[in-house]
Every structure is written in structure tokens, then in C-alpha cells.
Amino acid sequence: MTSRMWACLRSVTSLKRLTISKSSFSIPSSSPELPSVTNLSDVRVTSNSYEGLISLLPGVENIDITIDDAEGDMAHITAGLRRTGGQKLKHIHLYGPSSLSPGSHVSEETMRGLGLIIKEHTQNLLELHLQSVKCRDEDDLVYLMECCRHVKTLQYVLLSKCGTTNNGRLHSYLGDQNRGSSDGFYVRFEHVRYTALLLRFVISMSH
């Protein structure tokens, strides 16, 4: 994509949804922001393009991204959200590669970086959905949930194939938080046992 093509998009004030499926896409230097875009969906670009792309969408409310390298891509995505502030975000959907792929794992630093963005900036967030973004330690997901508790608007969190285990650390944490409370948001997490059995939990958690 050339600078001229990107600049032309700015003139389309009715542009609300941006879809990019070309993996070789890169953000031209000194590109203008696209303030009218509220939906970033079906996006597949190179890892180092995510930060520049998201940083040029200050009005984005809904992010729906399929990532190939969970560690690298998520780091760039959170960096882009940090630059825009992320205050208008309502939905974050991130889909990682196959759970059997080494590229599906994320480090403690990267997952906690996402948690801090959610805690400190996304005060209008309604839904968080992570699929096949596998943590190396369930404590990283516990930290993520702790960050989510600070977002008063949050209604629903789905963690699918993110490294949870039956009766594991996250399950125990959510059960402890849920005792004696009926308000809050819903957390559902799914994990695969022997790559075939899918277990589901729906648990209410107070802020």
C-alpha cells in the first residue's frame, strides 16, 4: 500500500470498517490517522505492522484479529493500543494459531502487558475473547483477570485453549472470587484434554 492510497482512505469519512488480509501489508511512514474507522476486522498482516496500523486508528472500538505469532503479534498490538490510548475499545477478539504450534505461546511479559492496557486504558471495554493464545503459566491468566476486574463496563471474557487446565489455578481463582457474590461479569474458559474433550465453565465474578 502506498502513502497516497492510505491518504485517500482518510477522505472517506463514512469509512467505519477496515479489513486487511494481505500479509505483506505495511504502514507507510508518516501516514495520517483514520479517525472514522471503528471496526478493525479479519486482519492478517506482518507482525511489525500491527503497532503502526492500530496507532493510526484512534477511534477503533472493535478489534478482530487473527495472529500467526502470538508472542510477537500481541506485543505489537498492545504497543499500538498504548499509543492510541484504547479508551474507545469495546470488543477485543484475538485468534492465535493452532494450540499445537510453538507460535501459539505467549510470555508472562506479553500477557501482563495486555492486562495493563486493559486495566489502565480500556474503560469502555465490554468483551474480551482470546483463542489459542496459550500462556506458559496459568498465573498469567489470573493476573489478566485481576486487571479485567478494574473495568466496570466489562460483561464477558472468553478464554479458549489458552493454557488452562481442569481444576487448575484459574479455575480455583475464579471460584474464590465468585463466592458470596452474584454481580459482575462472566468468565468462560475452554480447554482441550487429550485434544478431544472440551470442558466449559461459566462463572460470575464481582468487580
N, C-alpha and C. Protein backbone atom coordinates (compact mmCIF):
# COMPACT_ATOMS: atom_id res chain seq x y z
N MET A 1 0.84 -1.19 0.00
CA MET A 1 0.00 0.00 0.00
C MET A 1 0.87 1.24 0.00
N THR A 2 0.54 2.21 -0.84
CA THR A 2 1.32 3.44 -0.93
C THR A 2 0.76 4.50 0.00
N SER A 3 1.56 5.55 0.26
CA SER A 3 1.11 6.66 1.11
C SER A 3 -0.10 7.33 0.51
N ARG A 4 -0.13 7.43 -0.81
CA ARG A 4 -1.26 8.08 -1.48
C ARG A 4 -2.55 7.30 -1.28
N MET A 5 -2.46 5.98 -1.38
CA MET A 5 -3.65 5.14 -1.19
C MET A 5 -4.19 5.28 0.24
N TRP A 6 -3.28 5.26 1.21
CA TRP A 6 -3.72 5.38 2.60
C TRP A 6 -4.34 6.75 2.86
N ALA A 7 -3.75 7.81 2.28
CA ALA A 7 -4.27 9.16 2.45
C ALA A 7 -5.67 9.28 1.86
N CYS A 8 -5.94 8.55 0.79
CA CYS A 8 -7.26 8.59 0.17
C CYS A 8 -8.32 8.02 1.12
N LEU A 9 -7.94 7.04 1.91
CA LEU A 9 -8.89 6.46 2.86
C LEU A 9 -9.35 7.49 3.88
N ARG A 10 -8.47 8.42 4.24
CA ARG A 10 -8.82 9.44 5.22
C ARG A 10 -9.96 10.32 4.72
N SER A 11 -10.01 10.53 3.41
CA SER A 11 -11.05 11.39 2.85
C SER A 11 -12.43 10.72 2.84
N VAL A 12 -12.46 9.41 3.06
CA VAL A 12 -13.73 8.70 3.10
C VAL A 12 -14.24 8.74 4.54
N THR A 13 -14.97 9.77 4.89
CA THR A 13 -15.39 9.98 6.27
C THR A 13 -16.44 8.97 6.73
N SER A 14 -17.05 8.27 5.77
CA SER A 14 -18.06 7.25 6.14
C SER A 14 -17.43 5.88 6.37
N LEU A 15 -16.11 5.79 6.22
CA LEU A 15 -15.42 4.51 6.40
C LEU A 15 -15.45 4.10 7.87
N LYS A 16 -16.10 3.00 8.17
CA LYS A 16 -16.21 2.53 9.55
C LYS A 16 -15.46 1.23 9.79
N ARG A 17 -15.41 0.37 8.78
CA ARG A 17 -14.79 -0.95 8.93
C ARG A 17 -13.57 -1.07 8.02
N LEU A 18 -12.48 -1.55 8.59
CA LEU A 18 -11.25 -1.75 7.83
C LEU A 18 -10.86 -3.22 7.92
N THR A 19 -10.73 -3.86 6.75
CA THR A 19 -10.35 -5.26 6.67
C THR A 19 -9.09 -5.38 5.83
N ILE A 20 -8.08 -6.05 6.36
CA ILE A 20 -6.81 -6.20 5.65
C ILE A 20 -6.39 -7.66 5.74
N SER A 21 -6.31 -8.32 4.61
CA SER A 21 -5.97 -9.74 4.60
C SER A 21 -4.65 -10.04 3.89
N LYS A 22 -4.01 -9.02 3.39
CA LYS A 22 -2.75 -9.23 2.67
C LYS A 22 -1.59 -9.23 3.64
N SER A 23 -0.89 -10.35 3.75
CA SER A 23 0.15 -10.49 4.77
C SER A 23 1.35 -9.58 4.53
N SER A 24 1.55 -9.10 3.30
CA SER A 24 2.69 -8.25 3.00
C SER A 24 2.39 -6.78 3.24
N PHE A 25 1.21 -6.47 3.75
CA PHE A 25 0.82 -5.10 4.02
C PHE A 25 1.78 -4.44 5.00
N SER A 26 2.15 -3.20 4.73
CA SER A 26 2.98 -2.45 5.66
C SER A 26 2.51 -1.00 5.70
N ILE A 27 2.66 -0.36 6.84
CA ILE A 27 2.20 1.01 7.01
C ILE A 27 3.25 1.97 6.48
N PRO A 28 2.87 2.83 5.53
CA PRO A 28 3.82 3.83 5.03
C PRO A 28 4.22 4.79 6.14
N SER A 29 5.41 5.32 6.06
CA SER A 29 5.87 6.28 7.07
C SER A 29 5.05 7.56 6.99
N SER A 30 4.87 8.21 8.13
CA SER A 30 4.14 9.48 8.23
C SER A 30 2.71 9.37 7.69
N SER A 31 2.07 8.23 7.86
CA SER A 31 0.70 8.05 7.39
C SER A 31 -0.27 8.81 8.30
N PRO A 32 -1.34 9.37 7.73
CA PRO A 32 -2.33 10.08 8.55
C PRO A 32 -3.24 9.10 9.29
N GLU A 33 -3.84 9.59 10.36
CA GLU A 33 -4.79 8.76 11.10
C GLU A 33 -6.09 8.63 10.32
N LEU A 34 -6.81 7.55 10.61
CA LEU A 34 -8.14 7.34 10.04
C LEU A 34 -9.15 7.36 11.20
N PRO A 35 -9.57 8.55 11.61
CA PRO A 35 -10.41 8.68 12.81
C PRO A 35 -11.81 8.10 12.67
N SER A 36 -12.28 7.90 11.44
CA SER A 36 -13.66 7.41 11.26
C SER A 36 -13.77 5.90 11.46
N VAL A 37 -12.66 5.17 11.39
CA VAL A 37 -12.70 3.70 11.48
C VAL A 37 -12.98 3.27 12.93
N THR A 38 -14.03 2.49 13.10
CA THR A 38 -14.38 1.97 14.42
C THR A 38 -14.20 0.45 14.51
N ASN A 39 -14.13 -0.22 13.37
CA ASN A 39 -14.03 -1.68 13.35
C ASN A 39 -12.81 -2.13 12.55
N LEU A 40 -11.94 -2.88 13.19
CA LEU A 40 -10.78 -3.48 12.53
C LEU A 40 -10.99 -4.98 12.57
N SER A 41 -11.31 -5.58 11.42
CA SER A 41 -11.72 -6.98 11.41
C SER A 41 -11.02 -7.78 10.32
N ASP A 42 -10.96 -9.09 10.55
CA ASP A 42 -10.37 -10.04 9.58
C ASP A 42 -8.99 -9.58 9.13
N VAL A 43 -8.20 -9.17 10.10
CA VAL A 43 -6.88 -8.61 9.78
C VAL A 43 -5.80 -9.67 9.89
N ARG A 44 -4.96 -9.75 8.84
CA ARG A 44 -3.79 -10.62 8.87
C ARG A 44 -2.66 -9.88 8.17
N VAL A 45 -1.74 -9.34 8.96
CA VAL A 45 -0.61 -8.61 8.40
C VAL A 45 0.67 -9.11 9.08
N THR A 46 1.81 -8.60 8.62
CA THR A 46 3.07 -8.99 9.24
C THR A 46 3.13 -8.44 10.65
N SER A 47 3.88 -9.11 11.51
CA SER A 47 3.91 -8.79 12.93
C SER A 47 4.23 -7.32 13.21
N ASN A 48 5.26 -6.80 12.53
CA ASN A 48 5.68 -5.44 12.83
C ASN A 48 4.75 -4.38 12.25
N SER A 49 3.69 -4.78 11.56
CA SER A 49 2.73 -3.82 11.00
C SER A 49 1.60 -3.49 11.97
N TYR A 50 1.37 -4.37 12.96
CA TYR A 50 0.22 -4.17 13.85
C TYR A 50 0.31 -2.88 14.65
N GLU A 51 1.47 -2.59 15.19
CA GLU A 51 1.60 -1.39 16.02
C GLU A 51 1.28 -0.13 15.23
N GLY A 52 1.88 0.00 14.04
CA GLY A 52 1.63 1.18 13.22
C GLY A 52 0.19 1.27 12.77
N LEU A 53 -0.40 0.13 12.41
CA LEU A 53 -1.78 0.12 11.94
C LEU A 53 -2.73 0.58 13.04
N ILE A 54 -2.65 -0.03 14.21
CA ILE A 54 -3.58 0.29 15.29
C ILE A 54 -3.37 1.72 15.79
N SER A 55 -2.14 2.18 15.80
CA SER A 55 -1.86 3.53 16.28
C SER A 55 -2.49 4.61 15.40
N LEU A 56 -2.86 4.25 14.16
CA LEU A 56 -3.47 5.21 13.24
C LEU A 56 -4.99 5.17 13.28
N LEU A 57 -5.54 4.40 14.22
CA LEU A 57 -7.00 4.26 14.33
C LEU A 57 -7.45 4.68 15.73
N PRO A 58 -7.43 5.99 16.02
CA PRO A 58 -7.75 6.47 17.37
C PRO A 58 -9.20 6.22 17.79
N GLY A 59 -10.09 5.98 16.82
CA GLY A 59 -11.50 5.78 17.13
C GLY A 59 -11.93 4.33 17.13
N VAL A 60 -10.97 3.41 17.04
CA VAL A 60 -11.33 2.00 16.92
C VAL A 60 -12.04 1.51 18.19
N GLU A 61 -13.15 0.81 17.99
CA GLU A 61 -13.95 0.27 19.08
C GLU A 61 -13.92 -1.25 19.13
N ASN A 62 -13.78 -1.87 17.96
CA ASN A 62 -13.84 -3.33 17.88
C ASN A 62 -12.63 -3.85 17.11
N ILE A 63 -11.90 -4.76 17.73
CA ILE A 63 -10.72 -5.36 17.11
C ILE A 63 -10.94 -6.86 16.98
N ASP A 64 -10.78 -7.38 15.77
CA ASP A 64 -10.96 -8.80 15.49
C ASP A 64 -9.78 -9.23 14.63
N ILE A 65 -8.77 -9.85 15.25
CA ILE A 65 -7.50 -10.10 14.57
C ILE A 65 -7.10 -11.56 14.71
N THR A 66 -6.67 -12.15 13.59
CA THR A 66 -6.08 -13.48 13.59
C THR A 66 -4.57 -13.33 13.52
N ILE A 67 -3.86 -13.88 14.51
CA ILE A 67 -2.42 -13.70 14.59
C ILE A 67 -1.71 -15.02 14.31
N ASP A 68 -0.54 -14.92 13.69
CA ASP A 68 0.26 -16.10 13.37
C ASP A 68 1.33 -16.37 14.41
N ASP A 69 1.84 -15.29 15.01
CA ASP A 69 2.89 -15.39 16.03
C ASP A 69 2.35 -14.73 17.29
N ALA A 70 1.78 -15.50 18.20
CA ALA A 70 1.10 -14.94 19.36
C ALA A 70 2.00 -14.01 20.16
N GLU A 71 3.24 -14.42 20.39
CA GLU A 71 4.15 -13.61 21.19
C GLU A 71 4.47 -12.28 20.51
N GLY A 72 4.97 -12.35 19.29
CA GLY A 72 5.38 -11.13 18.58
C GLY A 72 4.20 -10.24 18.22
N ASP A 73 3.13 -10.85 17.69
CA ASP A 73 1.98 -10.07 17.24
C ASP A 73 1.29 -9.37 18.41
N MET A 74 1.11 -10.08 19.53
CA MET A 74 0.44 -9.47 20.67
C MET A 74 1.25 -8.32 21.25
N ALA A 75 2.55 -8.45 21.23
CA ALA A 75 3.40 -7.36 21.73
C ALA A 75 3.21 -6.10 20.89
N HIS A 76 3.13 -6.27 19.56
CA HIS A 76 2.94 -5.12 18.68
C HIS A 76 1.52 -4.57 18.79
N ILE A 77 0.54 -5.45 18.99
CA ILE A 77 -0.84 -5.00 19.13
C ILE A 77 -1.00 -4.15 20.40
N THR A 78 -0.45 -4.63 21.51
CA THR A 78 -0.55 -3.86 22.74
C THR A 78 0.22 -2.55 22.66
N ALA A 79 1.33 -2.55 21.94
CA ALA A 79 2.09 -1.30 21.75
C ALA A 79 1.26 -0.29 20.96
N GLY A 80 0.53 -0.78 19.94
CA GLY A 80 -0.34 0.11 19.17
C GLY A 80 -1.47 0.67 20.01
N LEU A 81 -2.07 -0.19 20.85
CA LEU A 81 -3.15 0.27 21.73
C LEU A 81 -2.63 1.28 22.75
N ARG A 82 -1.41 1.08 23.21
CA ARG A 82 -0.83 2.02 24.16
C ARG A 82 -0.66 3.40 23.51
N ARG A 83 -0.34 3.43 22.24
CA ARG A 83 -0.15 4.71 21.54
C ARG A 83 -1.47 5.42 21.30
N THR A 84 -2.53 4.68 21.04
CA THR A 84 -3.83 5.32 20.81
C THR A 84 -4.58 5.59 22.11
N GLY A 85 -4.21 4.90 23.17
CA GLY A 85 -4.89 5.06 24.44
C GLY A 85 -5.92 3.98 24.67
N GLY A 86 -6.60 3.53 23.60
CA GLY A 86 -7.56 2.45 23.70
C GLY A 86 -8.83 2.77 24.48
N GLN A 87 -9.08 4.06 24.73
CA GLN A 87 -10.23 4.41 25.57
C GLN A 87 -11.57 4.05 24.96
N LYS A 88 -11.64 3.97 23.62
CA LYS A 88 -12.91 3.71 22.96
C LYS A 88 -13.17 2.23 22.71
N LEU A 89 -12.21 1.39 23.01
CA LEU A 89 -12.35 -0.04 22.73
C LEU A 89 -13.51 -0.66 23.50
N LYS A 90 -14.32 -1.44 22.76
CA LYS A 90 -15.44 -2.16 23.36
C LYS A 90 -15.29 -3.67 23.24
N HIS A 91 -14.68 -4.12 22.16
CA HIS A 91 -14.53 -5.57 21.94
C HIS A 91 -13.10 -5.86 21.46
N ILE A 92 -12.45 -6.81 22.09
CA ILE A 92 -11.13 -7.29 21.65
C ILE A 92 -11.23 -8.78 21.41
N HIS A 93 -11.06 -9.21 20.16
CA HIS A 93 -11.06 -10.62 19.80
C HIS A 93 -9.72 -10.93 19.13
N LEU A 94 -8.94 -11.80 19.74
CA LEU A 94 -7.66 -12.20 19.19
C LEU A 94 -7.63 -13.71 19.02
N TYR A 95 -7.35 -14.18 17.80
CA TYR A 95 -7.33 -15.60 17.49
C TYR A 95 -5.91 -16.02 17.14
N GLY A 96 -5.34 -16.89 17.93
CA GLY A 96 -3.98 -17.34 17.70
C GLY A 96 -3.93 -18.55 16.78
N PRO A 97 -2.72 -19.04 16.50
CA PRO A 97 -2.55 -20.23 15.65
C PRO A 97 -2.97 -21.48 16.40
N SER A 98 -2.81 -22.63 15.76
CA SER A 98 -3.16 -23.90 16.39
C SER A 98 -2.49 -24.04 17.74
N SER A 99 -3.22 -24.63 18.69
CA SER A 99 -2.67 -24.81 20.04
C SER A 99 -1.45 -25.72 20.05
N LEU A 100 -1.26 -26.47 18.97
CA LEU A 100 -0.10 -27.36 18.88
C LEU A 100 1.12 -26.67 18.30
N SER A 101 0.95 -25.42 17.86
CA SER A 101 2.04 -24.70 17.24
C SER A 101 2.87 -23.96 18.28
N PRO A 102 4.21 -23.99 18.15
CA PRO A 102 5.06 -23.24 19.09
C PRO A 102 4.73 -21.75 19.08
N GLY A 103 4.23 -21.25 17.95
CA GLY A 103 3.92 -19.83 17.83
C GLY A 103 2.68 -19.41 18.60
N SER A 104 1.99 -20.35 19.23
CA SER A 104 0.78 -20.02 19.95
C SER A 104 1.07 -19.58 21.38
N HIS A 105 2.28 -19.77 21.87
CA HIS A 105 2.62 -19.45 23.25
C HIS A 105 3.00 -17.97 23.40
N VAL A 106 2.62 -17.42 24.55
CA VAL A 106 2.99 -16.05 24.87
C VAL A 106 3.70 -16.02 26.21
N SER A 107 4.59 -15.06 26.36
CA SER A 107 5.37 -14.95 27.58
C SER A 107 4.59 -14.22 28.67
N GLU A 108 5.09 -14.30 29.88
CA GLU A 108 4.49 -13.58 31.01
C GLU A 108 4.46 -12.08 30.73
N GLU A 109 5.56 -11.56 30.20
CA GLU A 109 5.65 -10.12 29.92
C GLU A 109 4.58 -9.66 28.94
N THR A 110 4.37 -10.44 27.88
CA THR A 110 3.40 -10.05 26.86
C THR A 110 1.97 -10.11 27.39
N MET A 111 1.62 -11.19 28.09
CA MET A 111 0.26 -11.31 28.62
C MET A 111 -0.01 -10.25 29.67
N ARG A 112 0.96 -9.95 30.49
CA ARG A 112 0.77 -8.92 31.51
C ARG A 112 0.74 -7.53 30.89
N GLY A 113 1.41 -7.38 29.77
CA GLY A 113 1.32 -6.11 29.05
C GLY A 113 -0.09 -5.86 28.54
N LEU A 114 -0.74 -6.91 28.04
CA LEU A 114 -2.14 -6.79 27.63
C LEU A 114 -3.02 -6.48 28.82
N GLY A 115 -2.76 -7.13 29.94
CA GLY A 115 -3.53 -6.87 31.14
C GLY A 115 -3.45 -5.42 31.59
N LEU A 116 -2.26 -4.84 31.54
CA LEU A 116 -2.09 -3.45 31.95
C LEU A 116 -2.83 -2.49 31.02
N ILE A 117 -2.83 -2.79 29.73
CA ILE A 117 -3.57 -1.96 28.78
C ILE A 117 -5.05 -1.98 29.14
N ILE A 118 -5.56 -3.16 29.41
CA ILE A 118 -6.97 -3.29 29.76
C ILE A 118 -7.28 -2.55 31.06
N LYS A 119 -6.44 -2.71 32.04
CA LYS A 119 -6.67 -2.10 33.34
C LYS A 119 -6.58 -0.58 33.30
N GLU A 120 -5.61 -0.05 32.60
CA GLU A 120 -5.32 1.38 32.66
C GLU A 120 -5.97 2.22 31.58
N HIS A 121 -6.41 1.58 30.47
CA HIS A 121 -6.88 2.38 29.34
C HIS A 121 -8.26 2.03 28.81
N THR A 122 -8.66 0.78 28.86
CA THR A 122 -9.91 0.38 28.17
C THR A 122 -11.10 0.44 29.11
N GLN A 123 -11.47 1.64 29.51
CA GLN A 123 -12.54 1.79 30.49
C GLN A 123 -13.94 1.64 29.90
N ASN A 124 -14.06 1.38 28.60
CA ASN A 124 -15.35 1.13 27.97
C ASN A 124 -15.46 -0.29 27.41
N LEU A 125 -14.51 -1.14 27.77
CA LEU A 125 -14.46 -2.49 27.22
C LEU A 125 -15.65 -3.32 27.70
N LEU A 126 -16.30 -4.00 26.74
CA LEU A 126 -17.44 -4.85 27.04
C LEU A 126 -17.09 -6.33 26.99
N GLU A 127 -16.18 -6.70 26.06
CA GLU A 127 -15.90 -8.12 25.84
C GLU A 127 -14.45 -8.34 25.45
N LEU A 128 -13.87 -9.40 26.02
CA LEU A 128 -12.52 -9.83 25.69
C LEU A 128 -12.57 -11.30 25.31
N HIS A 129 -12.04 -11.63 24.13
CA HIS A 129 -12.06 -13.00 23.64
C HIS A 129 -10.66 -13.36 23.14
N LEU A 130 -10.03 -14.33 23.80
CA LEU A 130 -8.73 -14.84 23.37
C LEU A 130 -8.87 -16.31 23.03
N GLN A 131 -8.42 -16.68 21.85
CA GLN A 131 -8.50 -18.08 21.43
C GLN A 131 -7.15 -18.56 20.94
N SER A 132 -6.70 -19.69 21.46
CA SER A 132 -5.42 -20.29 21.07
C SER A 132 -4.26 -19.33 21.29
N VAL A 133 -4.36 -18.51 22.34
CA VAL A 133 -3.26 -17.65 22.77
C VAL A 133 -2.80 -18.26 24.09
N LYS A 134 -1.86 -19.16 24.02
CA LYS A 134 -1.55 -20.05 25.14
C LYS A 134 -0.47 -19.49 26.07
N CYS A 135 -0.84 -19.34 27.34
CA CYS A 135 0.11 -18.89 28.35
C CYS A 135 0.98 -20.05 28.82
N ARG A 136 2.18 -19.73 29.22
CA ARG A 136 3.06 -20.76 29.75
C ARG A 136 2.74 -21.06 31.22
N ASP A 137 2.06 -20.13 31.88
CA ASP A 137 1.72 -20.29 33.28
C ASP A 137 0.32 -19.73 33.51
N GLU A 138 -0.55 -20.49 34.16
CA GLU A 138 -1.91 -20.03 34.40
C GLU A 138 -1.96 -18.79 35.28
N ASP A 139 -0.92 -18.54 36.04
CA ASP A 139 -0.88 -17.32 36.86
C ASP A 139 -0.94 -16.06 35.99
N ASP A 140 -0.48 -16.16 34.75
CA ASP A 140 -0.56 -15.01 33.85
C ASP A 140 -2.01 -14.70 33.51
N LEU A 141 -2.84 -15.74 33.40
CA LEU A 141 -4.27 -15.53 33.15
C LEU A 141 -4.97 -15.01 34.39
N VAL A 142 -4.52 -15.45 35.56
CA VAL A 142 -5.06 -14.91 36.81
C VAL A 142 -4.78 -13.42 36.88
N TYR A 143 -3.58 -13.03 36.52
CA TYR A 143 -3.23 -11.59 36.50
C TYR A 143 -4.11 -10.83 35.51
N LEU A 144 -4.35 -11.44 34.35
CA LEU A 144 -5.21 -10.81 33.35
C LEU A 144 -6.61 -10.58 33.92
N MET A 145 -7.15 -11.57 34.64
CA MET A 145 -8.47 -11.42 35.25
C MET A 145 -8.47 -10.34 36.33
N GLU A 146 -7.37 -10.25 37.07
CA GLU A 146 -7.26 -9.18 38.06
C GLU A 146 -7.35 -7.81 37.39
N CYS A 147 -6.72 -7.67 36.25
CA CYS A 147 -6.77 -6.41 35.51
C CYS A 147 -8.17 -6.15 34.99
N CYS A 148 -8.83 -7.20 34.52
CA CYS A 148 -10.18 -7.04 33.98
C CYS A 148 -11.16 -6.57 35.05
N ARG A 149 -10.92 -6.92 36.29
CA ARG A 149 -11.83 -6.53 37.37
C ARG A 149 -11.89 -5.02 37.55
N HIS A 150 -10.91 -4.30 37.02
CA HIS A 150 -10.89 -2.84 37.15
C HIS A 150 -11.74 -2.15 36.09
N VAL A 151 -12.24 -2.92 35.11
CA VAL A 151 -13.04 -2.33 34.03
C VAL A 151 -14.51 -2.54 34.37
N LYS A 152 -15.16 -1.47 34.79
CA LYS A 152 -16.52 -1.58 35.30
C LYS A 152 -17.53 -1.92 34.21
N THR A 153 -17.22 -1.66 32.96
CA THR A 153 -18.16 -1.92 31.87
C THR A 153 -18.09 -3.35 31.36
N LEU A 154 -17.05 -4.09 31.73
CA LEU A 154 -16.81 -5.42 31.17
C LEU A 154 -17.93 -6.38 31.53
N GLN A 155 -18.41 -7.11 30.51
CA GLN A 155 -19.52 -8.03 30.69
C GLN A 155 -19.13 -9.50 30.50
N TYR A 156 -18.15 -9.75 29.62
CA TYR A 156 -17.89 -11.14 29.24
C TYR A 156 -16.44 -11.34 28.82
N VAL A 157 -15.84 -12.41 29.33
CA VAL A 157 -14.48 -12.80 28.93
C VAL A 157 -14.52 -14.26 28.51
N LEU A 158 -13.98 -14.55 27.34
CA LEU A 158 -13.86 -15.93 26.86
C LEU A 158 -12.39 -16.24 26.62
N LEU A 159 -11.90 -17.27 27.28
CA LEU A 159 -10.54 -17.76 27.09
C LEU A 159 -10.63 -19.18 26.57
N SER A 160 -10.32 -19.37 25.31
CA SER A 160 -10.45 -20.68 24.67
C SER A 160 -9.08 -21.21 24.27
N LYS A 161 -8.71 -22.36 24.83
CA LYS A 161 -7.42 -23.00 24.51
C LYS A 161 -6.25 -22.07 24.81
N CYS A 162 -6.29 -21.48 25.99
CA CYS A 162 -5.24 -20.52 26.37
C CYS A 162 -4.29 -21.07 27.43
N GLY A 163 -4.29 -22.39 27.62
CA GLY A 163 -3.36 -22.99 28.57
C GLY A 163 -3.96 -23.29 29.91
N THR A 164 -5.30 -23.24 30.02
CA THR A 164 -5.94 -23.59 31.29
C THR A 164 -6.02 -25.11 31.44
N THR A 165 -6.19 -25.54 32.68
CA THR A 165 -6.33 -26.96 32.96
C THR A 165 -7.55 -27.18 33.86
N ASN A 166 -8.10 -28.37 33.81
CA ASN A 166 -9.24 -28.70 34.65
C ASN A 166 -8.85 -28.61 36.12
N ASN A 167 -9.62 -27.80 36.89
CA ASN A 167 -9.33 -27.57 38.31
C ASN A 167 -7.97 -26.94 38.52
N GLY A 168 -7.52 -26.17 37.54
CA GLY A 168 -6.23 -25.50 37.63
C GLY A 168 -6.28 -24.19 38.39
N ARG A 169 -5.20 -23.44 38.27
CA ARG A 169 -5.05 -22.19 39.03
C ARG A 169 -6.15 -21.17 38.69
N LEU A 170 -6.50 -21.02 37.43
CA LEU A 170 -7.51 -20.04 37.05
C LEU A 170 -8.88 -20.46 37.56
N HIS A 171 -9.20 -21.73 37.42
CA HIS A 171 -10.48 -22.25 37.90
C HIS A 171 -10.62 -21.99 39.40
N SER A 172 -9.57 -22.26 40.15
CA SER A 172 -9.58 -22.05 41.60
C SER A 172 -9.75 -20.57 41.94
N TYR A 173 -9.03 -19.73 41.22
CA TYR A 173 -9.11 -18.29 41.47
C TYR A 173 -10.51 -17.74 41.23
N LEU A 174 -11.11 -18.13 40.10
CA LEU A 174 -12.44 -17.64 39.78
C LEU A 174 -13.47 -18.14 40.79
N GLY A 175 -13.30 -19.37 41.23
CA GLY A 175 -14.21 -19.91 42.24
C GLY A 175 -14.12 -19.13 43.54
N ASP A 176 -12.92 -18.76 43.94
CA ASP A 176 -12.73 -17.97 45.17
C ASP A 176 -13.36 -16.59 45.04
N GLN A 177 -13.20 -15.97 43.87
CA GLN A 177 -13.74 -14.63 43.66
C GLN A 177 -15.26 -14.65 43.60
N ASN A 178 -15.79 -15.75 43.15
CA ASN A 178 -17.23 -15.85 42.92
C ASN A 178 -18.04 -16.06 44.20
N ARG A 179 -17.41 -16.56 45.25
CA ARG A 179 -18.13 -16.90 46.47
C ARG A 179 -18.75 -15.65 47.11
N GLY A 180 -20.02 -15.75 47.40
CA GLY A 180 -20.70 -14.68 48.11
C GLY A 180 -21.07 -13.50 47.25
N SER A 181 -21.00 -13.63 45.92
CA SER A 181 -21.33 -12.51 45.04
C SER A 181 -22.13 -12.99 43.85
N SER A 182 -23.07 -12.15 43.42
CA SER A 182 -23.89 -12.52 42.27
C SER A 182 -23.81 -11.49 41.15
N ASP A 183 -23.10 -10.39 41.37
CA ASP A 183 -22.99 -9.39 40.32
C ASP A 183 -21.64 -9.53 39.62
N GLY A 184 -21.36 -8.65 38.66
CA GLY A 184 -20.08 -8.67 37.99
C GLY A 184 -20.17 -9.10 36.54
N PHE A 185 -19.07 -9.65 35.99
CA PHE A 185 -19.06 -10.09 34.60
C PHE A 185 -18.82 -11.59 34.54
N TYR A 186 -19.08 -12.14 33.36
CA TYR A 186 -18.98 -13.59 33.19
C TYR A 186 -17.64 -13.97 32.55
N VAL A 187 -17.08 -15.04 33.05
CA VAL A 187 -15.84 -15.59 32.51
C VAL A 187 -16.10 -17.01 32.08
N ARG A 188 -15.76 -17.31 30.85
CA ARG A 188 -15.87 -18.68 30.36
C ARG A 188 -14.52 -19.09 29.79
N PHE A 189 -14.03 -20.23 30.24
CA PHE A 189 -12.79 -20.70 29.63
C PHE A 189 -12.94 -22.14 29.21
N GLU A 190 -12.31 -22.45 28.09
CA GLU A 190 -12.40 -23.77 27.47
C GLU A 190 -11.00 -24.33 27.31
N HIS A 191 -10.83 -25.60 27.61
CA HIS A 191 -9.55 -26.22 27.34
C HIS A 191 -9.77 -27.63 26.81
N VAL A 192 -8.78 -28.13 26.14
CA VAL A 192 -8.88 -29.44 25.50
C VAL A 192 -8.04 -30.45 26.27
N ARG A 193 -8.65 -31.55 26.61
CA ARG A 193 -7.94 -32.63 27.29
C ARG A 193 -7.81 -33.79 26.31
N TYR A 194 -6.62 -34.26 26.13
CA TYR A 194 -6.32 -35.30 25.14
C TYR A 194 -6.76 -34.84 23.76
N THR A 195 -6.71 -33.54 23.52
CA THR A 195 -7.04 -32.88 22.24
C THR A 195 -8.43 -33.21 21.75
N ALA A 196 -9.32 -33.70 22.63
CA ALA A 196 -10.65 -34.08 22.16
C ALA A 196 -11.77 -33.59 23.07
N LEU A 197 -11.56 -33.67 24.39
CA LEU A 197 -12.62 -33.34 25.33
C LEU A 197 -12.61 -31.85 25.65
N LEU A 198 -13.71 -31.16 25.36
CA LEU A 198 -13.82 -29.74 25.60
C LEU A 198 -14.62 -29.51 26.88
N LEU A 199 -14.02 -28.82 27.84
CA LEU A 199 -14.67 -28.54 29.11
C LEU A 199 -15.01 -27.05 29.18
N ARG A 200 -16.18 -26.73 29.71
CA ARG A 200 -16.61 -25.35 29.75
C ARG A 200 -17.06 -24.97 31.16
N PHE A 201 -16.80 -23.74 31.52
CA PHE A 201 -17.22 -23.22 32.80
C PHE A 201 -17.79 -21.82 32.58
N VAL A 202 -18.89 -21.51 33.22
CA VAL A 202 -19.45 -20.16 33.19
C VAL A 202 -19.53 -19.71 34.63
N ILE A 203 -18.76 -18.69 34.98
CA ILE A 203 -18.63 -18.27 36.36
C ILE A 203 -18.81 -16.76 36.46
N SER A 204 -19.65 -16.31 37.38
CA SER A 204 -19.85 -14.89 37.61
C SER A 204 -18.78 -14.40 38.59
N MET A 205 -18.26 -13.19 38.33
CA MET A 205 -17.21 -12.68 39.19
C MET A 205 -17.48 -11.22 39.48
N SER A 206 -17.38 -10.80 40.73
CA SER A 206 -17.66 -9.41 41.09
C SER A 206 -16.45 -8.55 40.82
N HIS A 207 -16.68 -7.25 40.69
CA HIS A 207 -15.58 -6.31 40.45
C HIS A 207 -14.88 -5.98 41.76
